[in-house]
Amino acid sequence: MADNIHKIRRVLPEEKDRFVSTILQCFVDDHFFRAMYPNIELYETEMAKFVEFDACYAIKRGTAWVLGEFAGACLWIEPNAEFDDEKFYDLIRNGCHSDYLPTAMKVFDALEQFIPGEPHWYLSFMGIVPAMRDRGLGSKFLNHTLEFIDTGSQTAYLETFDERNVPFYQRLGFKPTAKRVIDDNMTIFIMKRPARQR
């Protein structure tokens, strides 16, 4: 069992629901998403739809990974991916708690402005379930997926809403490139990792 904790593999199509559930566990204490979905019922239904939007795309393309027996989940979106933007914003408008919707829309509008101009990989979700944290698994997990990304020598990009995450990503080669405060209660940290030559 201990050895299996460190096994990293791609998510199979039939594991989509369990993969989405794992991401929900990883982000259950996330400041931004819990502001969007403040009660557990809303979080488990509407946040699940939000995650599934990216998960379906990534699983089909082999860019969704799982750690061990779903101790962690990592979801990358490939360069030049095409999404239905209207469907994406409908998920936000229809699912987000009404009190927080204006701020959430400002956040996502701001994120659009920070998207790199060059082809890049986007880290949509990455996390370790609470019971398995503080074991060094996150660094090992994310570094494994970055090795795959480096085979194409392209930029990697992410945002985080928790300043405590910034040093973690810096250790893996990401550099802070921008910071934006929304409505005095939500801060976005933008980070990029330059393309690596293999």
Protein backbone atom coordinates (compact mmCIF):
# COMPACT_ATOMS: atom_id res chain seq x y z
CA MET A 1 0.00 0.00 0.00
CA ALA A 2 2.81 2.44 0.89
CA ASP A 3 4.48 1.95 -2.48
CA ASN A 4 1.17 2.51 -4.27
CA ILE A 5 0.83 5.96 -2.69
CA HIS A 6 3.64 7.16 -4.96
CA LYS A 7 2.28 5.65 -8.16
CA ILE A 8 1.33 8.30 -10.73
CA ARG A 9 -0.78 7.46 -13.76
CA ARG A 10 -3.23 8.95 -16.20
CA VAL A 11 -6.93 8.92 -15.38
CA LEU A 12 -9.09 6.47 -17.32
CA PRO A 13 -12.40 7.64 -18.86
CA GLU A 14 -14.41 5.39 -16.56
CA GLU A 15 -12.74 7.04 -13.54
CA LYS A 16 -14.01 10.52 -14.36
CA ASP A 17 -16.50 10.74 -11.47
CA ARG A 18 -13.94 9.57 -8.92
CA PHE A 19 -11.39 12.00 -10.34
CA VAL A 20 -13.83 14.90 -10.01
CA SER A 21 -14.68 13.81 -6.46
CA THR A 22 -10.97 13.78 -5.58
CA ILE A 23 -10.55 17.35 -6.83
CA LEU A 24 -13.52 18.39 -4.70
CA GLN A 25 -11.79 16.87 -1.67
CA CYS A 26 -8.56 18.67 -2.50
CA PHE A 27 -10.24 22.07 -2.77
CA VAL A 28 -12.76 21.78 0.04
CA ASP A 29 -10.86 24.41 2.04
CA ASP A 30 -10.00 26.67 -0.92
CA HIS A 31 -10.84 30.30 -0.14
CA PHE A 32 -12.10 31.23 -3.61
CA PHE A 33 -14.15 28.15 -4.45
CA ARG A 34 -15.78 28.02 -1.03
CA ALA A 35 -16.78 31.65 -1.48
CA MET A 36 -18.41 30.66 -4.76
CA TYR A 37 -20.02 27.56 -3.24
CA PRO A 38 -20.33 28.30 0.52
CA ASN A 39 -22.53 25.41 1.64
CA ILE A 40 -21.56 21.79 1.17
CA GLU A 41 -24.60 20.91 -0.95
CA LEU A 42 -23.82 23.68 -3.43
CA TYR A 43 -20.15 22.74 -3.43
CA GLU A 44 -20.78 19.05 -4.12
CA THR A 45 -23.21 19.72 -6.96
CA GLU A 46 -22.22 22.97 -8.68
CA MET A 47 -18.47 22.82 -8.04
CA ALA A 48 -18.56 19.28 -9.42
CA LYS A 49 -20.06 20.58 -12.68
CA PHE A 50 -17.39 23.27 -12.84
CA VAL A 51 -14.57 20.75 -12.38
CA GLU A 52 -16.12 18.28 -14.81
CA PHE A 53 -16.02 20.92 -17.56
CA ASP A 54 -12.20 20.73 -17.62
CA ALA A 55 -11.92 17.11 -16.49
CA CYS A 56 -13.77 15.68 -19.48
CA TYR A 57 -11.47 17.54 -21.84
CA ALA A 58 -8.25 16.57 -20.06
CA ILE A 59 -9.11 12.91 -19.57
CA LYS A 60 -9.80 12.48 -23.28
CA ARG A 61 -6.42 13.98 -24.11
CA GLY A 62 -4.41 12.13 -21.47
CA THR A 63 -3.55 15.23 -19.45
CA ALA A 64 -5.28 14.27 -16.20
CA TRP A 65 -3.24 12.37 -13.63
CA VAL A 66 -3.99 10.66 -10.34
CA LEU A 67 -1.65 9.89 -7.44
CA GLY A 68 -1.92 6.48 -5.79
CA GLU A 69 -5.46 5.42 -4.96
CA PHE A 70 -6.76 8.93 -5.65
CA ALA A 71 -4.67 10.57 -2.95
CA GLY A 72 -4.20 13.46 -5.35
CA ALA A 73 -5.38 14.80 -8.69
CA CYS A 74 -3.68 16.92 -11.34
CA LEU A 75 -5.42 18.38 -14.38
CA TRP A 76 -3.53 20.16 -17.15
CA ILE A 77 -5.05 21.83 -20.20
CA GLU A 78 -2.92 21.54 -23.33
CA PRO A 79 -1.77 24.50 -25.47
CA ASN A 80 -4.29 26.02 -27.87
CA ALA A 81 -7.22 24.16 -26.29
CA GLU A 82 -10.64 25.28 -27.46
CA PHE A 83 -13.56 25.52 -25.06
CA ASP A 84 -17.15 26.67 -25.18
CA ASP A 85 -16.74 29.95 -23.30
CA GLU A 86 -20.48 30.56 -23.09
CA LYS A 87 -21.01 27.18 -21.42
CA PHE A 88 -18.16 27.93 -19.01
CA TYR A 89 -19.67 31.24 -17.93
CA ASP A 90 -23.12 29.69 -17.71
CA LEU A 91 -21.72 27.22 -15.17
CA ILE A 92 -20.50 30.14 -13.09
CA ARG A 93 -23.65 32.24 -13.41
CA ASN A 94 -25.98 29.32 -12.67
CA GLY A 95 -23.93 27.67 -9.93
CA CYS A 96 -22.18 30.38 -7.95
CA HIS A 97 -23.90 31.67 -4.83
CA SER A 98 -25.72 34.87 -5.84
CA ASP A 99 -24.06 36.96 -3.12
CA TYR A 100 -20.61 36.20 -4.50
CA LEU A 101 -21.39 36.13 -8.23
CA PRO A 102 -20.30 39.74 -8.98
CA THR A 103 -16.89 39.13 -7.42
CA ALA A 104 -16.52 35.73 -9.12
CA MET A 105 -17.22 37.26 -12.52
CA LYS A 106 -14.60 39.96 -11.88
CA VAL A 107 -12.09 37.24 -10.97
CA PHE A 108 -12.66 35.25 -14.14
CA ASP A 109 -12.62 38.40 -16.27
CA ALA A 110 -9.27 39.32 -14.70
CA LEU A 111 -7.87 35.85 -15.34
CA GLU A 112 -8.65 36.25 -19.04
CA GLN A 113 -6.29 39.24 -19.11
CA PHE A 114 -3.37 37.22 -17.75
CA ILE A 115 -3.48 34.33 -20.23
CA PRO A 116 -0.03 34.09 -21.88
CA GLY A 117 0.18 35.04 -25.52
CA GLU A 118 2.46 32.14 -26.40
CA PRO A 119 1.35 28.48 -26.53
CA HIS A 120 1.26 27.21 -22.96
CA TRP A 121 0.07 24.49 -20.62
CA TYR A 122 -2.47 25.60 -18.01
CA LEU A 123 -2.63 23.96 -14.59
CA SER A 124 -6.38 23.93 -13.99
CA PHE A 125 -6.41 21.87 -10.78
CA MET A 126 -3.76 20.18 -8.68
CA GLY A 127 -4.10 19.01 -5.12
CA ILE A 128 -3.59 16.36 -2.47
CA VAL A 129 -6.55 15.21 -0.35
CA PRO A 130 -6.36 16.60 3.21
CA ALA A 131 -5.58 13.26 4.88
CA MET A 132 -2.47 12.79 2.72
CA ARG A 133 -0.92 16.25 2.94
CA ASP A 134 2.42 17.22 4.49
CA ARG A 135 4.21 14.14 3.18
CA GLY A 136 6.00 15.71 0.21
CA LEU A 137 3.57 14.09 -2.22
CA GLY A 138 2.52 17.30 -3.94
CA SER A 139 6.01 18.20 -5.16
CA LYS A 140 6.68 14.70 -6.44
CA PHE A 141 3.29 14.55 -8.15
CA LEU A 142 3.46 17.91 -9.89
CA ASN A 143 7.09 17.45 -10.88
CA HIS A 144 6.19 14.18 -12.60
CA THR A 145 3.59 15.93 -14.76
CA LEU A 146 5.99 18.78 -15.51
CA GLU A 147 8.45 16.26 -16.92
CA PHE A 148 5.76 15.32 -19.44
CA ILE A 149 5.13 18.98 -20.30
CA ASP A 150 8.83 19.60 -20.77
CA THR A 151 8.94 17.08 -23.62
CA GLY A 152 7.23 19.75 -25.72
CA SER A 153 9.42 22.62 -24.43
CA GLN A 154 6.47 24.92 -23.71
CA THR A 155 5.54 27.42 -21.02
CA ALA A 156 3.45 26.32 -18.02
CA TYR A 157 1.01 28.73 -16.40
CA LEU A 158 -1.20 28.79 -13.32
CA GLU A 159 -3.02 31.01 -10.89
CA THR A 160 -3.49 30.56 -7.17
CA PHE A 161 -5.63 32.42 -4.67
CA ASP A 162 -3.49 31.47 -1.68
CA GLU A 163 -0.18 33.25 -1.15
CA ARG A 164 1.04 30.26 0.87
CA ASN A 165 1.12 28.25 -2.37
CA VAL A 166 3.55 30.62 -4.10
CA PRO A 167 6.78 29.20 -2.53
CA PHE A 168 5.64 25.66 -3.37
CA TYR A 169 5.33 26.51 -7.06
CA GLN A 170 8.54 28.54 -7.02
CA ARG A 171 10.46 25.46 -5.92
CA LEU A 172 9.23 23.75 -9.07
CA GLY A 173 10.38 26.51 -11.38
CA PHE A 174 7.36 28.83 -11.52
CA LYS A 175 7.91 32.55 -11.21
CA PRO A 176 5.35 35.13 -10.01
CA THR A 177 4.42 37.40 -12.93
CA ALA A 178 1.37 39.34 -11.72
CA LYS A 179 -0.88 39.99 -8.75
CA ARG A 180 -4.42 41.35 -8.74
CA VAL A 181 -6.72 42.19 -5.84
CA ILE A 182 -10.46 41.88 -6.51
CA ASP A 183 -13.00 43.68 -4.28
CA ASP A 184 -10.46 43.92 -1.43
CA ASN A 185 -11.09 40.30 -0.41
CA MET A 186 -9.65 38.10 -3.16
CA THR A 187 -6.06 38.13 -4.40
CA ILE A 188 -4.94 36.38 -7.57
CA PHE A 189 -1.31 35.32 -7.94
CA ILE A 190 -0.25 34.56 -11.51
CA MET A 191 2.77 32.32 -12.09
CA LYS A 192 4.62 31.06 -15.17
CA ARG A 193 7.30 28.45 -15.68
CA PRO A 194 9.49 29.12 -18.73
CA ALA A 195 9.74 26.45 -21.37
CA ARG A 196 12.42 23.89 -20.65
CA GLN A 197 14.59 22.31 -23.34
CA ARG A 198 14.79 18.53 -23.16
